[in-house]
Each structure stands twice: as C-alpha cells, then as structure tokens.
Protein backbone atom coordinates (compact mmCIF):
# COMPACT_ATOMS: atom_id res chain seq x y z
CA MET A 1 9.45 76.82 -13.71
CA ASP A 2 9.53 78.28 -9.75
CA ASP A 3 8.81 75.24 -7.25
CA GLY A 4 8.79 77.27 -4.72
CA GLY A 5 11.93 76.09 -3.33
CA VAL A 6 15.08 77.59 -2.35
CA SER A 7 17.63 76.98 -5.26
CA ALA A 8 21.16 75.64 -4.77
CA ASP A 9 24.13 78.03 -5.84
CA LEU A 10 26.19 75.48 -8.34
CA SER A 11 28.79 78.15 -8.29
CA THR A 12 30.69 77.31 -5.56
CA PRO A 13 31.58 73.27 -5.42
CA PRO A 14 31.00 71.10 -1.84
CA ASP A 15 34.53 70.80 -0.65
CA LEU A 16 35.12 66.68 -0.70
CA SER A 17 39.04 67.21 0.36
CA PRO A 18 39.94 64.70 3.49
CA PRO A 19 40.79 66.34 6.02
CA PRO A 20 44.39 68.25 7.07
CA PRO A 21 46.55 66.30 9.06
CA ASP A 22 46.38 66.65 12.78
CA CYS A 23 50.42 68.35 12.43
CA THR A 24 51.97 70.37 9.71
CA GLY A 25 55.12 71.28 9.19
CA LYS A 26 56.55 68.33 11.24
CA SER A 27 59.48 66.54 9.25
CA MET A 28 60.75 62.99 10.60
CA PRO A 29 62.89 62.74 13.53
CA MET A 30 65.46 60.52 14.28
CA LEU A 31 64.20 57.32 15.63
CA GLY A 32 65.38 55.58 18.60
CA THR A 33 67.26 56.75 21.95
CA GLN A 34 68.93 59.69 22.24
CA ASN A 35 71.03 62.09 25.12
CA ARG A 36 70.26 65.48 23.88
CA THR A 37 71.57 69.00 25.40
CA ILE A 38 68.99 72.35 25.39
CA SER A 39 70.07 75.51 26.07
CA ILE A 40 68.20 76.93 29.41
CA GLY A 41 69.06 80.68 29.92
CA THR A 42 72.83 80.91 30.48
CA GLY A 43 72.90 77.40 30.79
CA LYS A 44 72.67 73.80 29.18
CA ARG A 45 70.47 71.11 30.85
CA THR A 46 70.45 67.12 29.25
CA TYR A 47 68.21 64.82 28.79
CA VAL A 48 67.76 61.20 27.03
CA LEU A 49 64.77 60.73 24.27
CA HIS A 50 63.69 58.20 23.28
CA VAL A 51 61.21 58.41 19.66
CA PRO A 52 58.90 54.84 19.04
CA PRO A 53 59.41 53.39 15.68
CA GLY A 54 55.50 53.85 15.59
CA TYR A 55 56.10 57.67 15.34
CA ASP A 56 54.26 59.71 12.54
CA PRO A 57 54.94 63.25 12.76
CA SER A 58 51.78 64.27 10.89
CA LYS A 59 49.54 62.49 14.36
CA PHE A 60 49.01 63.95 17.73
CA THR A 61 51.41 61.80 20.03
CA SER A 62 51.24 61.25 23.73
CA VAL A 63 54.71 62.21 25.69
CA VAL A 64 55.47 60.40 28.85
CA PHE A 65 58.33 62.44 31.57
CA ALA A 66 60.45 60.52 33.86
CA PHE A 67 61.77 61.88 36.51
CA HIS A 68 64.90 59.67 37.73
CA GLY A 69 65.26 59.74 42.05
CA PHE A 70 68.33 61.13 43.94
CA THR A 71 72.32 60.67 42.79
CA THR A 72 71.04 58.82 39.21
CA GLN A 73 71.65 59.35 36.40
CA ALA A 74 68.77 59.44 33.62
CA THR A 75 70.31 57.36 31.14
CA ASP A 76 70.38 54.41 34.36
CA PHE A 77 66.78 55.49 34.86
CA THR A 78 65.72 54.84 31.31
CA LYS A 79 66.37 51.38 31.02
CA ASP A 80 65.46 50.68 35.00
CA ILE A 81 62.34 51.62 34.23
CA ASN A 82 62.24 49.46 30.93
CA VAL A 83 60.58 52.92 29.18
CA GLU A 84 61.85 52.16 25.61
CA ALA A 85 60.26 48.92 25.18
CA ALA A 86 56.90 50.25 26.50
CA SER A 87 57.35 53.60 24.60
CA ASP A 88 57.91 51.22 21.21
CA GLN A 89 54.72 49.20 22.58
CA ARG A 90 52.73 51.65 22.91
CA ASN A 91 53.39 54.62 20.43
CA PHE A 92 54.32 57.78 23.05
CA ILE A 93 57.95 59.76 23.10
CA ALA A 94 59.74 58.86 26.00
CA VAL A 95 61.50 61.96 27.58
CA MET A 96 64.18 61.44 30.76
CA PRO A 97 65.14 64.62 32.00
CA GLN A 98 68.73 64.43 33.90
CA GLY A 99 68.43 66.40 36.80
CA SER A 100 71.42 69.12 38.65
CA GLY A 101 74.52 69.09 40.58
CA VAL A 102 77.64 67.07 41.08
CA ILE A 103 75.11 64.53 43.01
CA PRO A 104 71.79 64.97 40.68
CA SER A 105 69.26 66.00 42.04
CA TRP A 106 65.65 67.81 41.62
CA ASN A 107 64.14 71.20 43.06
CA ALA A 108 60.88 69.82 44.23
CA GLY A 109 60.25 72.32 46.85
CA SER A 110 61.56 71.06 50.13
CA CYS A 111 64.10 68.94 48.51
CA CYS A 112 66.68 67.57 47.37
CA GLY A 113 70.58 68.41 47.29
CA GLU A 114 71.91 71.20 45.59
CA ALA A 115 68.83 71.74 43.31
CA GLN A 116 67.24 72.70 46.15
CA THR A 117 70.22 73.99 48.07
CA PHE A 118 70.59 76.99 45.37
CA ASN A 119 67.26 76.71 44.55
CA THR A 120 67.66 75.50 40.54
CA ASP A 121 64.69 76.29 38.44
CA ASP A 122 63.42 73.06 37.50
CA VAL A 123 60.40 74.11 36.49
CA GLY A 124 61.26 76.64 34.44
CA PHE A 125 63.65 73.48 32.37
CA VAL A 126 60.93 71.71 32.43
CA ARG A 127 58.76 74.52 30.43
CA THR A 128 61.23 75.26 28.58
CA LEU A 129 62.00 71.52 27.14
CA LEU A 130 57.85 71.27 26.73
CA THR A 131 57.88 73.57 24.28
CA SER A 132 60.68 72.33 22.35
CA LEU A 133 59.62 69.12 22.35
CA ARG A 134 55.95 70.74 20.74
CA ALA A 135 57.98 72.60 17.98
CA GLU A 136 59.79 70.03 16.66
CA PHE A 137 57.04 66.61 17.59
CA CYS A 138 53.16 66.66 16.81
CA VAL A 139 52.43 66.66 20.99
CA ASP A 140 48.39 66.00 21.65
CA ASP A 141 48.65 68.54 24.62
CA LYS A 142 46.14 66.08 25.90
CA ARG A 143 48.15 63.77 26.63
CA VAL A 144 51.33 65.16 28.72
CA PHE A 145 52.21 62.60 31.33
CA ALA A 146 54.92 62.94 33.98
CA MET A 147 56.15 59.73 36.39
CA GLY A 148 58.96 59.67 38.70
CA HIS A 149 60.75 57.54 41.73
CA SER A 150 62.11 59.14 45.16
CA ASN A 151 63.18 62.88 44.29
CA GLY A 152 61.82 62.43 40.72
CA GLY A 153 58.49 61.70 42.70
CA TYR A 154 58.74 64.81 44.20
CA MET A 155 59.13 66.53 41.24
CA VAL A 156 56.63 65.05 39.16
CA ASN A 157 54.07 66.64 42.09
CA ARG A 158 55.64 70.09 41.88
CA LEU A 159 54.80 69.83 38.14
CA ALA A 160 51.12 69.27 39.15
CA CYS A 161 51.25 71.84 41.21
CA GLU A 162 52.81 74.83 39.11
CA LEU A 163 52.07 73.18 35.43
CA ALA A 164 48.71 71.44 35.80
CA ASP A 165 47.50 73.27 32.48
CA ASP A 166 50.82 71.54 30.77
CA PHE A 167 50.05 68.29 32.70
CA ALA A 168 47.21 65.91 32.07
CA ALA A 169 48.12 63.23 34.75
CA ILE A 170 51.14 62.89 36.90
CA GLY A 171 52.10 59.51 38.21
CA PRO A 172 54.80 59.53 41.69
CA ASN A 173 56.33 56.82 43.34
CA SER A 174 58.01 56.26 46.90
CA ALA A 175 57.29 60.38 46.86
CA GLY A 176 55.08 63.26 48.12
CA LEU A 177 54.02 66.42 47.68
CA MET A 178 57.29 68.80 49.29
CA PHE A 179 56.01 71.51 47.95
CA SER A 180 53.83 74.68 49.69
CA PRO A 181 51.50 76.05 48.60
CA CYS A 182 50.11 73.85 45.96
CA LYS A 183 47.66 75.49 43.99
CA PRO A 184 46.96 74.00 40.77
CA THR A 185 45.38 75.69 37.79
CA ARG A 186 43.41 72.73 37.16
CA PRO A 187 42.43 69.04 38.39
CA VAL A 188 44.78 66.93 37.82
CA PRO A 189 44.08 63.06 37.84
CA VAL A 190 47.35 61.53 40.93
CA TYR A 191 48.58 57.97 40.46
CA TYR A 192 50.75 56.99 43.46
CA MET A 193 52.75 54.12 44.64
CA HIS A 194 54.15 54.36 47.90
CA GLY A 195 55.87 50.95 49.50
CA ASP A 196 55.07 50.68 53.28
CA ASN A 197 58.82 49.01 54.37
CA ASP A 198 60.16 52.35 52.52
CA SER A 199 63.39 53.35 55.26
CA VAL A 200 64.29 56.22 52.59
CA VAL A 201 61.48 58.04 52.63
CA TRP A 202 59.59 56.72 55.13
CA TYR A 203 55.62 55.81 53.84
CA GLY A 204 53.99 57.77 57.41
CA GLY A 205 56.21 60.81 56.16
CA GLY A 206 58.18 62.75 59.23
CA PHE A 207 61.72 63.07 59.57
CA PRO A 208 64.80 63.22 58.83
CA LEU A 209 63.22 66.17 55.47
CA GLY A 210 59.92 66.72 56.99
CA TRP A 211 57.87 65.20 54.07
CA ASN A 212 53.98 64.59 53.69
CA GLY A 213 53.49 60.54 54.36
CA ALA A 214 51.65 58.36 51.67
CA LYS A 215 48.48 58.93 53.45
CA ASN A 216 48.82 63.17 53.78
CA THR A 217 49.52 63.21 49.93
CA PHE A 218 46.75 61.17 49.22
CA ASP A 219 44.28 62.89 50.59
CA GLY A 220 45.78 66.60 49.99
CA TRP A 221 45.24 66.02 46.20
CA GLY A 222 41.62 64.33 46.68
CA THR A 223 40.86 67.58 48.39
CA ARG A 224 42.56 69.72 45.96
CA ASN A 225 40.36 67.27 43.24
CA SER A 226 37.05 68.26 44.99
CA CYS A 227 36.38 64.86 45.34
CA ALA A 228 33.97 62.60 47.03
CA THR A 229 35.04 61.20 50.24
CA PRO A 230 35.32 59.21 51.82
CA ALA A 231 38.34 57.47 49.59
CA LYS A 232 37.75 53.59 48.64
CA VAL A 233 39.22 50.48 48.84
CA THR A 234 39.12 49.73 44.62
CA SER A 235 41.13 46.82 44.40
CA GLN A 236 43.52 44.49 46.12
CA ILE A 237 45.25 41.97 44.32
CA GLY A 238 48.42 40.21 45.95
CA LYS A 239 50.17 43.09 48.26
CA VAL A 240 48.83 45.85 46.60
CA THR A 241 46.04 47.69 47.77
CA CYS A 242 44.48 50.32 45.96
CA GLN A 243 42.24 52.96 47.46
CA THR A 244 40.31 55.79 45.37
CA TYR A 245 39.00 59.44 45.37
CA ALA A 246 35.90 59.48 43.04
CA PRO A 247 34.79 60.53 41.65
CA CYS A 248 36.55 64.04 41.08
CA THR A 249 36.07 67.51 39.21
CA GLY A 250 36.95 66.83 35.96
CA GLY A 251 37.68 63.31 36.33
CA ALA A 252 40.40 63.62 38.47
CA ASP A 253 40.08 60.39 40.44
CA VAL A 254 42.97 60.69 43.03
CA ASN A 255 44.71 56.54 44.13
CA LEU A 256 46.97 55.62 46.07
CA CYS A 257 48.16 51.64 45.71
CA THR A 258 50.11 50.44 49.01
CA ILE A 259 52.49 47.35 48.91
CA SER A 260 52.68 45.30 51.63
CA GLY A 261 56.08 45.06 52.71
CA GLY A 262 57.71 47.53 49.61
CA SER A 263 60.86 49.00 49.83
CA HIS A 264 61.93 52.03 48.11
CA VAL A 265 62.59 50.83 44.79
CA TRP A 266 60.41 50.95 41.25
CA PRO A 267 58.13 48.36 41.23
CA SER A 268 59.13 45.83 38.25
CA SER A 269 60.18 42.15 38.15
CA ASN A 270 63.24 42.76 38.73
CA SER A 271 62.65 44.12 42.13
CA ASP A 272 63.10 40.83 45.00
CA THR A 273 60.20 42.94 47.51
CA GLN A 274 58.14 44.64 44.84
CA ARG A 275 58.65 41.81 41.60
CA TYR A 276 54.47 41.76 42.33
CA ALA A 277 53.80 45.51 40.90
CA ASP A 278 54.41 46.58 37.86
CA GLY A 279 54.95 50.53 37.95
CA THR A 280 56.12 51.43 34.54
CA LYS A 281 52.46 49.48 32.93
CA SER A 282 50.35 50.74 36.01
CA TYR A 283 51.21 54.37 35.65
CA LEU A 284 50.75 54.41 31.15
CA ASP A 285 47.73 52.44 31.81
CA PHE A 286 46.60 55.12 34.49
CA PHE A 287 47.80 57.92 31.54
CA ALA A 288 45.90 56.65 28.73
CA SER A 289 42.67 56.53 30.49
CA HIS A 290 43.26 60.42 31.70
CA PRO A 291 43.75 62.85 29.11
CA LYS A 292 42.94 66.43 29.65
CA PRO A 293 39.33 67.05 29.18
C-alpha cells in the first residue's frame, strides 16, 4: 500500500561506529625529559623535550616552546622556570630549543650575540623543529605557543611576526620587539611581563642596543592586532599592574604586566625581587584561553 511517504533505503545500515581518534598512526613516545638533536640543513641543533605522563598519541595535545635568554643553556632554563612540573600537571608537550654559538644566543633581529652577527636562521630552526614534532606527536595546531626570557623573549616576538600561522599566542618576558618589519599574517595574542627596574633590558628601551621599550612594544602589538584604544588597567595585584588592549581582531588581546621594582629575571617564587609573580603560570593561563580561532 502506498502511504504517500518516502520509503527508507534499508540496503545500507547507518554507521554507528564511534568516531575515529584525533590522530592515527602515532606511536607512544618515551615519556619524561630528553635531550635531542635535529638536522637543520647541513648542521645540527639541539633541544630539550618533555613529554608528560598523561600524553595520549591518539589525542590532540598542546605544545609550548620556551626560549632561554642570552648566554643560558636550555637544560638550565628548563629547571629555572619549572616547566616540567607544569607540563605534567597541565598535560602539554614542552620544547626548550637551544640557542647557537659559544655563548648561546638567538637571532631575534637586532639582537643578539653570534646568532645575530652571523644571521643564523633561528626561525628556520623553529619551523623545522615544529614540522618534526608534528610528524612524531599528535600536535594540536590550534594550541602551539611560545614563551621566552630576555633574548628568548625577543625571539618569541620575532616568531609572532614571521610564524603567526604556527603560533597561537606568545609570552615574552623582559624583552621588547627587535625585529622589523613585523607584518604577521594574522593577529597574535600577546602576554608580556617586564620589571620596571630591569637594568639589563631597560623597561623604557633605548641604549645600548636600540631596542623598543615595554610601552612601544605593547602599543605596537595593539596596533597590529587592530585593538580598541586606549589600553585599560585590567588588574593590579601587589606589585603587578596589567594593562590590556581589547577587544582586538580575532580575540587577539594584548597585555603588558609591569612588575614594580622587578629586575631582569623570570618571575617566580625563587626570585627575591619577583616572588610576587609567577611567570610560568601566568603565561600558561593566558595560553589556555587563547587558542587559534
């Protein structure tokens, strides 16, 4: 009997199987901290990798790069910022690349050391390293971040200029922007911390390397991200005052947290001058709320 409806095609039953995992074909890596070497062109570079115990090769996982300062070793910086414990707690892959030269440095544009003198392609190093990590791990491309101190902070500013499609957000510490022209392909959220008593990288900028000061760097990112003006004070806790440009295109707000009396160190409980701030926690909290759209 014709009921006037459309008869269902029962020849192909509906697919009720569970959805596929986020990643396929990824093997379980060695967990914990490893010192690694990667080929870059005709040379080799090194980095420290930490894989948390909760890593699942079938699930998309955030990646956080952390760049050491001038003269520093990645192995020491890893311990100094307590990133291994943070990685285990928050379940992200931590990557600490090693700068080049007898006195380690990053080519962040107008700074620093042998890397800048010899125009070392550190952007290429990071690009190749990220490609390698994507091949090995289940990397969440919407949640790849970079934080860094001093020369390493200059470097993450440069990465936002040149690898904006790869990095969701950045967190420089004690470091302005020293790369020009900076023309990112997309707005990049920024969380920038700087002590106003920094005697190495002056908060106001200028001598001896001609770097942009904290305010110029902050304002510059606000302009690039097409943020509403003026910037507003959004928090004031103890000696830390944060200003924010927002709203911005694509939700890419820009923040400058000034530490009153703060010196040239990574804010942490281990610092006599900056024990009232936790740089690692602050950057990771910001990253967690700023994935790529």
